[in-house]
Each structure stands twice: as structure tokens, then as C-alpha cells.
Amino acid sequence: MTIFRVREAAELLGVSADTLRRWAEAGRFATTADGAGRLAIDGPELARFAIELATATPGAGAHASVHESARNHFTGLVTRVIKDTVMAQVEIQAGPFRVVSLMSREAADELGLAPGVLAVASVKSTHVVVSTPQVSTPQTSLPQS
């Protein structure tokens, strides 16, 4: 089973390591120790907590009154808008993720998209590439007795 050190887990959740440690001390998720005895989180527990955070985040339920088929929503701040006469490129920083959307200029204007505006990017895709990073020293949990 994969385990993540506090720094790695915090980076994946888009929070500071200190915040993650405080959440651990408050019992918001189960922790373990890595091979060196440092505080760590099992992959499945981190995934469960990430889902809990996503559903509790303000704006995460921004489409609660609308039925739609898109299942991937990224709430964030608009950081850049580039417009020409027909199209607009809108960049949103959603936690550690940068989401870029191309839309009509008219749509961007109607939504009032500009740097600093809170926005939700909804992604619907039938083709998503998933990969795993190459890790030089994979961390696994010790067998439990």
C-alpha cells in the first residue's frame, strides 16, 4: 500500500504541511508512520479525506441546483483572461491545479470573468489520460501483525 509523508500529502491537497499536521492532531484522518518513523498517511485514507475536503469546500456544490452530467468541478480564482474579437482564454487556479478554458468572448463577458473572480470549471471528458509518477524509492506500509 502506498503511504504519503505529510509534505507530499499537503501538496496533493493544496494546503500547508502545518495545516495537515493540525488536522491530523484534531483526528480528521488516521495517520501512520513511514519506515523512518515520520508521520505519514495511507493512500486510501488520504483519498477518503480528499473527497471529504472537496465536498465540504465552499463553492464545491456551486451547481447543486443544476442537474448536469459533468462530474469534475474545480472551484478557483480566475488568474488570467485573454480575449480577441471572437474567443477568450480563461485561466483558473483551483488549489494546486491550473485549469485553462477556451470559450466565446461573449460567454466570458456575460460571466464577468476577470482576474480575481471566483469561478467553477466543470470538466466532462470521455478521454482522460491517467498516469502514475515514477518514484525512485516507493514507500509501502509495513505488514501489520
N, C-alpha and C. Protein backbone atom coordinates (compact mmCIF):
# COMPACT_ATOMS: atom_id res chain seq x y z
N MET A 1 0.85 -1.18 0.00
CA MET A 1 0.00 0.00 0.00
C MET A 1 0.90 1.24 0.00
N THR A 2 0.54 2.25 -0.76
CA THR A 2 1.29 3.49 -0.83
C THR A 2 0.99 4.35 0.39
N ILE A 3 2.05 4.96 0.94
CA ILE A 3 1.86 5.93 2.01
C ILE A 3 2.51 7.24 1.59
N PHE A 4 1.99 8.33 2.15
CA PHE A 4 2.49 9.66 1.81
C PHE A 4 2.97 10.36 3.06
N ARG A 5 4.13 11.00 2.97
CA ARG A 5 4.60 11.84 4.06
C ARG A 5 3.75 13.10 4.10
N VAL A 6 3.79 13.78 5.23
CA VAL A 6 2.97 14.97 5.44
C VAL A 6 3.17 15.99 4.33
N ARG A 7 4.41 16.26 3.98
CA ARG A 7 4.70 17.26 2.94
C ARG A 7 4.07 16.86 1.62
N GLU A 8 4.19 15.60 1.25
CA GLU A 8 3.61 15.11 -0.01
C GLU A 8 2.08 15.20 0.01
N ALA A 9 1.49 14.76 1.11
CA ALA A 9 0.03 14.79 1.22
C ALA A 9 -0.50 16.22 1.19
N ALA A 10 0.19 17.12 1.89
CA ALA A 10 -0.23 18.52 1.91
C ALA A 10 -0.19 19.11 0.50
N GLU A 11 0.86 18.79 -0.23
CA GLU A 11 0.99 19.28 -1.61
C GLU A 11 -0.16 18.78 -2.48
N LEU A 12 -0.52 17.51 -2.32
CA LEU A 12 -1.62 16.94 -3.10
C LEU A 12 -2.96 17.58 -2.77
N LEU A 13 -3.14 17.98 -1.49
CA LEU A 13 -4.40 18.59 -1.07
C LEU A 13 -4.43 20.10 -1.26
N GLY A 14 -3.27 20.69 -1.59
CA GLY A 14 -3.22 22.14 -1.80
C GLY A 14 -3.23 22.93 -0.51
N VAL A 15 -2.69 22.36 0.57
CA VAL A 15 -2.61 23.06 1.86
C VAL A 15 -1.17 23.00 2.36
N SER A 16 -0.89 23.72 3.44
CA SER A 16 0.45 23.68 4.01
C SER A 16 0.64 22.42 4.85
N ALA A 17 1.89 22.03 5.05
CA ALA A 17 2.19 20.88 5.90
C ALA A 17 1.72 21.14 7.32
N ASP A 18 1.83 22.39 7.79
CA ASP A 18 1.36 22.73 9.14
C ASP A 18 -0.15 22.50 9.27
N THR A 19 -0.90 22.91 8.26
CA THR A 19 -2.35 22.70 8.28
C THR A 19 -2.66 21.21 8.35
N LEU A 20 -1.96 20.42 7.54
CA LEU A 20 -2.21 18.98 7.54
C LEU A 20 -1.88 18.37 8.90
N ARG A 21 -0.79 18.82 9.53
CA ARG A 21 -0.44 18.32 10.87
C ARG A 21 -1.52 18.67 11.88
N ARG A 22 -2.04 19.90 11.81
CA ARG A 22 -3.12 20.30 12.75
C ARG A 22 -4.36 19.44 12.54
N TRP A 23 -4.71 19.18 11.28
CA TRP A 23 -5.86 18.32 11.00
C TRP A 23 -5.63 16.92 11.55
N ALA A 24 -4.38 16.41 11.43
CA ALA A 24 -4.06 15.08 11.96
C ALA A 24 -4.21 15.07 13.48
N GLU A 25 -3.70 16.12 14.14
CA GLU A 25 -3.82 16.22 15.60
C GLU A 25 -5.27 16.30 16.04
N ALA A 26 -6.12 16.89 15.20
CA ALA A 26 -7.55 17.02 15.52
C ALA A 26 -8.31 15.72 15.20
N GLY A 27 -7.61 14.73 14.63
CA GLY A 27 -8.25 13.45 14.35
C GLY A 27 -9.11 13.42 13.10
N ARG A 28 -8.86 14.33 12.16
CA ARG A 28 -9.69 14.37 10.95
C ARG A 28 -9.41 13.21 10.01
N PHE A 29 -8.26 12.57 10.17
CA PHE A 29 -7.92 11.38 9.38
C PHE A 29 -6.91 10.55 10.17
N ALA A 30 -6.83 9.27 9.84
CA ALA A 30 -5.91 8.36 10.51
C ALA A 30 -4.50 8.54 9.96
N THR A 31 -3.52 8.43 10.84
CA THR A 31 -2.13 8.54 10.42
C THR A 31 -1.39 7.26 10.75
N THR A 32 -0.22 7.14 10.18
CA THR A 32 0.66 6.01 10.42
C THR A 32 2.07 6.56 10.45
N ALA A 33 3.06 5.70 10.46
CA ALA A 33 4.46 6.14 10.40
C ALA A 33 5.11 5.49 9.19
N ASP A 34 6.02 6.23 8.56
CA ASP A 34 6.74 5.63 7.44
C ASP A 34 7.90 4.80 7.99
N GLY A 35 8.73 4.28 7.12
CA GLY A 35 9.84 3.43 7.53
C GLY A 35 10.83 4.10 8.46
N ALA A 36 10.90 5.43 8.42
CA ALA A 36 11.81 6.19 9.28
C ALA A 36 11.11 6.70 10.53
N GLY A 37 9.86 6.31 10.73
CA GLY A 37 9.13 6.74 11.92
C GLY A 37 8.47 8.10 11.81
N ARG A 38 8.50 8.70 10.61
CA ARG A 38 7.86 10.01 10.42
C ARG A 38 6.37 9.84 10.19
N LEU A 39 5.62 10.89 10.55
CA LEU A 39 4.17 10.90 10.36
C LEU A 39 3.84 10.72 8.89
N ALA A 40 2.89 9.85 8.59
CA ALA A 40 2.51 9.57 7.21
C ALA A 40 1.02 9.22 7.17
N ILE A 41 0.50 9.17 5.94
CA ILE A 41 -0.92 8.87 5.73
C ILE A 41 -1.01 7.79 4.66
N ASP A 42 -1.79 6.75 4.93
CA ASP A 42 -2.02 5.71 3.93
C ASP A 42 -2.76 6.30 2.75
N GLY A 43 -2.43 5.84 1.54
CA GLY A 43 -3.07 6.33 0.33
C GLY A 43 -4.59 6.29 0.36
N PRO A 44 -5.21 5.16 0.73
CA PRO A 44 -6.68 5.12 0.77
C PRO A 44 -7.28 6.11 1.77
N GLU A 45 -6.62 6.31 2.90
CA GLU A 45 -7.12 7.27 3.89
C GLU A 45 -7.00 8.70 3.35
N LEU A 46 -5.90 8.99 2.65
CA LEU A 46 -5.73 10.31 2.06
C LEU A 46 -6.79 10.55 0.99
N ALA A 47 -7.10 9.53 0.20
CA ALA A 47 -8.14 9.65 -0.83
C ALA A 47 -9.50 9.94 -0.18
N ARG A 48 -9.82 9.23 0.90
CA ARG A 48 -11.09 9.45 1.60
C ARG A 48 -11.16 10.89 2.12
N PHE A 49 -10.06 11.36 2.71
CA PHE A 49 -10.05 12.71 3.26
C PHE A 49 -10.12 13.76 2.16
N ALA A 50 -9.48 13.51 1.02
CA ALA A 50 -9.53 14.45 -0.11
C ALA A 50 -10.97 14.61 -0.60
N ILE A 51 -11.71 13.51 -0.63
CA ILE A 51 -13.12 13.57 -1.05
C ILE A 51 -13.92 14.37 -0.03
N GLU A 52 -13.66 14.12 1.26
CA GLU A 52 -14.35 14.87 2.32
C GLU A 52 -14.08 16.37 2.18
N LEU A 53 -12.82 16.73 1.94
CA LEU A 53 -12.47 18.15 1.77
C LEU A 53 -13.17 18.75 0.56
N ALA A 54 -13.17 18.02 -0.54
CA ALA A 54 -13.77 18.54 -1.78
C ALA A 54 -15.26 18.79 -1.61
N THR A 55 -15.94 17.93 -0.89
CA THR A 55 -17.39 18.11 -0.74
C THR A 55 -17.72 19.14 0.32
N ALA A 56 -16.76 19.46 1.20
CA ALA A 56 -17.01 20.45 2.25
C ALA A 56 -16.50 21.83 1.87
N THR A 57 -15.79 21.95 0.73
CA THR A 57 -15.21 23.21 0.31
C THR A 57 -16.28 24.17 -0.17
N PRO A 58 -16.27 25.44 0.33
CA PRO A 58 -17.25 26.41 -0.16
C PRO A 58 -17.14 26.53 -1.68
N GLY A 59 -18.28 26.49 -2.33
CA GLY A 59 -18.29 26.60 -3.78
C GLY A 59 -18.24 25.25 -4.48
N ALA A 60 -17.88 24.19 -3.73
CA ALA A 60 -17.81 22.87 -4.36
C ALA A 60 -19.18 22.42 -4.81
N GLY A 61 -20.21 22.85 -4.12
CA GLY A 61 -21.56 22.49 -4.51
C GLY A 61 -22.24 23.59 -5.28
N ALA A 62 -21.45 24.35 -6.02
CA ALA A 62 -21.98 25.52 -6.73
C ALA A 62 -23.07 25.16 -7.72
N HIS A 63 -23.08 23.92 -8.18
CA HIS A 63 -24.08 23.52 -9.17
C HIS A 63 -25.17 22.67 -8.53
N ALA A 64 -25.35 22.78 -7.22
CA ALA A 64 -26.31 21.92 -6.52
C ALA A 64 -27.72 22.06 -7.07
N SER A 65 -28.07 23.23 -7.59
CA SER A 65 -29.43 23.42 -8.09
C SER A 65 -29.56 23.11 -9.57
N VAL A 66 -28.49 22.66 -10.19
CA VAL A 66 -28.49 22.36 -11.62
C VAL A 66 -28.12 20.89 -11.80
N HIS A 67 -28.86 20.18 -12.64
CA HIS A 67 -28.51 18.80 -12.96
C HIS A 67 -27.63 18.83 -14.20
N GLU A 68 -26.47 18.19 -14.10
CA GLU A 68 -25.57 18.15 -15.25
C GLU A 68 -24.79 16.85 -15.23
N SER A 69 -24.25 16.49 -16.37
CA SER A 69 -23.53 15.23 -16.46
C SER A 69 -22.05 15.36 -16.12
N ALA A 70 -21.50 16.58 -16.15
CA ALA A 70 -20.09 16.76 -15.79
C ALA A 70 -19.90 16.44 -14.32
N ARG A 71 -18.90 15.64 -14.00
CA ARG A 71 -18.67 15.22 -12.62
C ARG A 71 -17.44 15.86 -12.00
N ASN A 72 -16.65 16.53 -12.78
CA ASN A 72 -15.39 17.10 -12.29
C ASN A 72 -15.51 18.61 -12.21
N HIS A 73 -15.51 19.13 -10.99
CA HIS A 73 -15.67 20.57 -10.78
C HIS A 73 -14.46 21.11 -10.04
N PHE A 74 -13.89 22.18 -10.55
CA PHE A 74 -12.73 22.82 -9.95
C PHE A 74 -13.10 24.25 -9.60
N THR A 75 -13.25 24.54 -8.32
CA THR A 75 -13.55 25.90 -7.88
C THR A 75 -12.24 26.62 -7.66
N GLY A 76 -12.11 27.81 -8.22
CA GLY A 76 -10.87 28.56 -8.06
C GLY A 76 -11.02 30.00 -8.47
N LEU A 77 -9.89 30.68 -8.51
CA LEU A 77 -9.85 32.09 -8.89
C LEU A 77 -9.39 32.24 -10.32
N VAL A 78 -10.07 33.09 -11.05
CA VAL A 78 -9.62 33.42 -12.40
C VAL A 78 -8.32 34.20 -12.23
N THR A 79 -7.27 33.75 -12.92
CA THR A 79 -5.97 34.42 -12.82
C THR A 79 -5.59 35.18 -14.08
N ARG A 80 -6.22 34.81 -15.21
CA ARG A 80 -5.86 35.47 -16.47
C ARG A 80 -6.99 35.29 -17.47
N VAL A 81 -7.26 36.33 -18.23
CA VAL A 81 -8.25 36.26 -19.31
C VAL A 81 -7.64 36.95 -20.53
N ILE A 82 -7.56 36.23 -21.63
CA ILE A 82 -7.05 36.79 -22.89
C ILE A 82 -8.20 36.72 -23.89
N LYS A 83 -8.58 37.88 -24.45
CA LYS A 83 -9.71 37.92 -25.38
C LYS A 83 -9.28 38.48 -26.73
N ASP A 84 -9.88 37.93 -27.78
CA ASP A 84 -9.78 38.57 -29.09
C ASP A 84 -11.20 38.92 -29.50
N THR A 85 -11.45 39.12 -30.76
CA THR A 85 -12.79 39.55 -31.16
C THR A 85 -13.83 38.44 -31.07
N VAL A 86 -13.39 37.16 -31.08
CA VAL A 86 -14.34 36.05 -31.08
C VAL A 86 -14.19 35.14 -29.86
N MET A 87 -12.96 34.84 -29.46
CA MET A 87 -12.70 33.84 -28.41
C MET A 87 -12.04 34.46 -27.18
N ALA A 88 -12.10 33.71 -26.07
CA ALA A 88 -11.42 34.10 -24.83
C ALA A 88 -10.74 32.87 -24.25
N GLN A 89 -9.55 33.07 -23.72
CA GLN A 89 -8.84 32.02 -22.98
C GLN A 89 -8.88 32.43 -21.52
N VAL A 90 -9.43 31.57 -20.67
CA VAL A 90 -9.60 31.87 -19.25
C VAL A 90 -8.78 30.87 -18.45
N GLU A 91 -7.94 31.38 -17.54
CA GLU A 91 -7.14 30.51 -16.68
C GLU A 91 -7.67 30.62 -15.26
N ILE A 92 -7.86 29.46 -14.62
CA ILE A 92 -8.35 29.40 -13.25
C ILE A 92 -7.33 28.64 -12.42
N GLN A 93 -6.98 29.18 -11.25
CA GLN A 93 -6.12 28.47 -10.31
C GLN A 93 -7.02 27.86 -9.26
N ALA A 94 -7.15 26.54 -9.27
CA ALA A 94 -8.02 25.82 -8.34
C ALA A 94 -7.13 24.98 -7.43
N GLY A 95 -6.77 25.53 -6.28
CA GLY A 95 -5.81 24.85 -5.41
C GLY A 95 -4.50 24.74 -6.16
N PRO A 96 -3.91 23.54 -6.21
CA PRO A 96 -2.64 23.40 -6.92
C PRO A 96 -2.82 23.22 -8.43
N PHE A 97 -4.06 23.26 -8.91
CA PHE A 97 -4.33 22.97 -10.31
C PHE A 97 -4.62 24.22 -11.12
N ARG A 98 -4.02 24.29 -12.32
CA ARG A 98 -4.30 25.37 -13.26
C ARG A 98 -5.19 24.79 -14.33
N VAL A 99 -6.38 25.37 -14.49
CA VAL A 99 -7.34 24.91 -15.48
C VAL A 99 -7.48 26.01 -16.52
N VAL A 100 -7.34 25.64 -17.80
CA VAL A 100 -7.44 26.61 -18.89
C VAL A 100 -8.64 26.25 -19.75
N SER A 101 -9.46 27.25 -20.05
CA SER A 101 -10.66 27.03 -20.86
C SER A 101 -10.68 28.00 -22.03
N LEU A 102 -11.09 27.49 -23.18
CA LEU A 102 -11.33 28.34 -24.35
C LEU A 102 -12.84 28.44 -24.51
N MET A 103 -13.34 29.65 -24.64
CA MET A 103 -14.78 29.88 -24.78
C MET A 103 -15.00 31.09 -25.66
N SER A 104 -16.24 31.34 -26.00
CA SER A 104 -16.52 32.54 -26.79
C SER A 104 -16.28 33.77 -25.93
N ARG A 105 -15.89 34.84 -26.57
CA ARG A 105 -15.71 36.11 -25.86
C ARG A 105 -17.03 36.53 -25.22
N GLU A 106 -18.12 36.29 -25.94
CA GLU A 106 -19.44 36.66 -25.43
C GLU A 106 -19.73 35.95 -24.11
N ALA A 107 -19.41 34.65 -24.01
CA ALA A 107 -19.64 33.90 -22.77
C ALA A 107 -18.78 34.46 -21.63
N ALA A 108 -17.51 34.75 -21.92
CA ALA A 108 -16.63 35.30 -20.89
C ALA A 108 -17.14 36.65 -20.41
N ASP A 109 -17.62 37.47 -21.33
CA ASP A 109 -18.17 38.79 -20.96
C ASP A 109 -19.44 38.63 -20.13
N GLU A 110 -20.34 37.74 -20.55
CA GLU A 110 -21.60 37.53 -19.82
C GLU A 110 -21.36 37.03 -18.40
N LEU A 111 -20.32 36.20 -18.22
CA LEU A 111 -19.99 35.67 -16.89
C LEU A 111 -19.18 36.67 -16.06
N GLY A 112 -18.71 37.74 -16.70
CA GLY A 112 -17.92 38.73 -15.98
C GLY A 112 -16.56 38.21 -15.55
N LEU A 113 -15.99 37.31 -16.36
CA LEU A 113 -14.71 36.70 -15.99
C LEU A 113 -13.57 37.68 -16.14
N ALA A 114 -12.83 37.84 -15.04
CA ALA A 114 -11.68 38.73 -14.98
C ALA A 114 -10.80 38.23 -13.84
N PRO A 115 -9.51 38.57 -13.82
CA PRO A 115 -8.65 38.14 -12.72
C PRO A 115 -9.25 38.51 -11.37
N GLY A 116 -9.24 37.52 -10.45
CA GLY A 116 -9.77 37.73 -9.11
C GLY A 116 -11.20 37.27 -8.92
N VAL A 117 -11.89 36.91 -9.99
CA VAL A 117 -13.29 36.46 -9.90
C VAL A 117 -13.30 34.97 -9.52
N LEU A 118 -14.17 34.59 -8.59
CA LEU A 118 -14.35 33.19 -8.23
C LEU A 118 -15.14 32.50 -9.33
N ALA A 119 -14.67 31.33 -9.77
CA ALA A 119 -15.34 30.61 -10.86
C ALA A 119 -15.24 29.11 -10.62
N VAL A 120 -16.11 28.37 -11.26
CA VAL A 120 -16.10 26.91 -11.19
C VAL A 120 -15.92 26.38 -12.61
N ALA A 121 -14.87 25.59 -12.82
CA ALA A 121 -14.65 24.94 -14.10
C ALA A 121 -15.26 23.54 -14.01
N SER A 122 -16.17 23.21 -14.90
CA SER A 122 -16.77 21.88 -14.96
C SER A 122 -16.18 21.15 -16.15
N VAL A 123 -15.68 19.95 -15.91
CA VAL A 123 -15.00 19.21 -16.96
C VAL A 123 -15.76 17.92 -17.26
N LYS A 124 -16.09 17.73 -18.52
CA LYS A 124 -16.73 16.49 -18.97
C LYS A 124 -15.85 15.97 -20.10
N SER A 125 -15.32 14.79 -19.92
CA SER A 125 -14.43 14.27 -20.94
C SER A 125 -14.57 12.77 -21.06
N THR A 126 -14.60 12.30 -22.27
CA THR A 126 -14.61 10.86 -22.49
C THR A 126 -13.20 10.35 -22.70
N HIS A 127 -12.24 11.26 -22.76
CA HIS A 127 -10.85 10.86 -22.95
C HIS A 127 -9.98 11.59 -21.93
N VAL A 128 -9.63 10.90 -20.87
CA VAL A 128 -8.77 11.47 -19.84
C VAL A 128 -7.58 10.53 -19.68
N VAL A 129 -6.37 11.07 -19.76
CA VAL A 129 -5.17 10.27 -19.60
C VAL A 129 -4.80 10.26 -18.12
N VAL A 130 -4.62 9.07 -17.56
CA VAL A 130 -4.22 8.93 -16.16
C VAL A 130 -2.85 8.28 -16.14
N SER A 131 -1.93 8.84 -15.37
CA SER A 131 -0.60 8.26 -15.26
C SER A 131 -0.16 8.26 -13.80
N THR A 132 0.85 7.48 -13.51
CA THR A 132 1.43 7.49 -12.17
C THR A 132 2.87 7.94 -12.30
N PRO A 133 3.34 8.75 -11.36
CA PRO A 133 4.72 9.24 -11.45
C PRO A 133 5.72 8.12 -11.15
N GLN A 134 6.87 8.21 -11.77
CA GLN A 134 7.95 7.28 -11.46
C GLN A 134 8.57 7.72 -10.14
N VAL A 135 8.60 6.82 -9.18
CA VAL A 135 9.14 7.14 -7.86
C VAL A 135 10.43 6.36 -7.69
N SER A 136 11.49 7.07 -7.28
CA SER A 136 12.78 6.40 -7.16
C SER A 136 12.80 5.40 -6.01
N THR A 137 12.13 5.73 -4.90
CA THR A 137 12.07 4.81 -3.77
C THR A 137 10.62 4.69 -3.32
N PRO A 138 9.89 3.71 -3.87
CA PRO A 138 8.48 3.58 -3.49
C PRO A 138 8.35 3.30 -2.00
N GLN A 139 7.36 3.92 -1.38
CA GLN A 139 7.12 3.72 0.04
C GLN A 139 5.92 2.81 0.18
N THR A 140 6.08 1.80 0.97
CA THR A 140 4.96 0.92 1.25
C THR A 140 4.83 0.77 2.74
N SER A 141 3.66 0.46 3.19
CA SER A 141 3.46 0.29 4.62
C SER A 141 4.02 -1.06 5.04
N LEU A 142 4.37 -1.15 6.29
CA LEU A 142 4.89 -2.39 6.83
C LEU A 142 3.74 -3.36 7.06
N PRO A 143 3.99 -4.66 6.95
CA PRO A 143 2.93 -5.62 7.23
C PRO A 143 2.44 -5.45 8.66
N GLN A 144 1.15 -5.54 8.84
CA GLN A 144 0.59 -5.38 10.17
C GLN A 144 0.49 -6.73 10.84
N SER A 145 0.79 -6.74 12.15
CA SER A 145 0.72 -8.01 12.88
C SER A 145 -0.60 -8.20 13.53
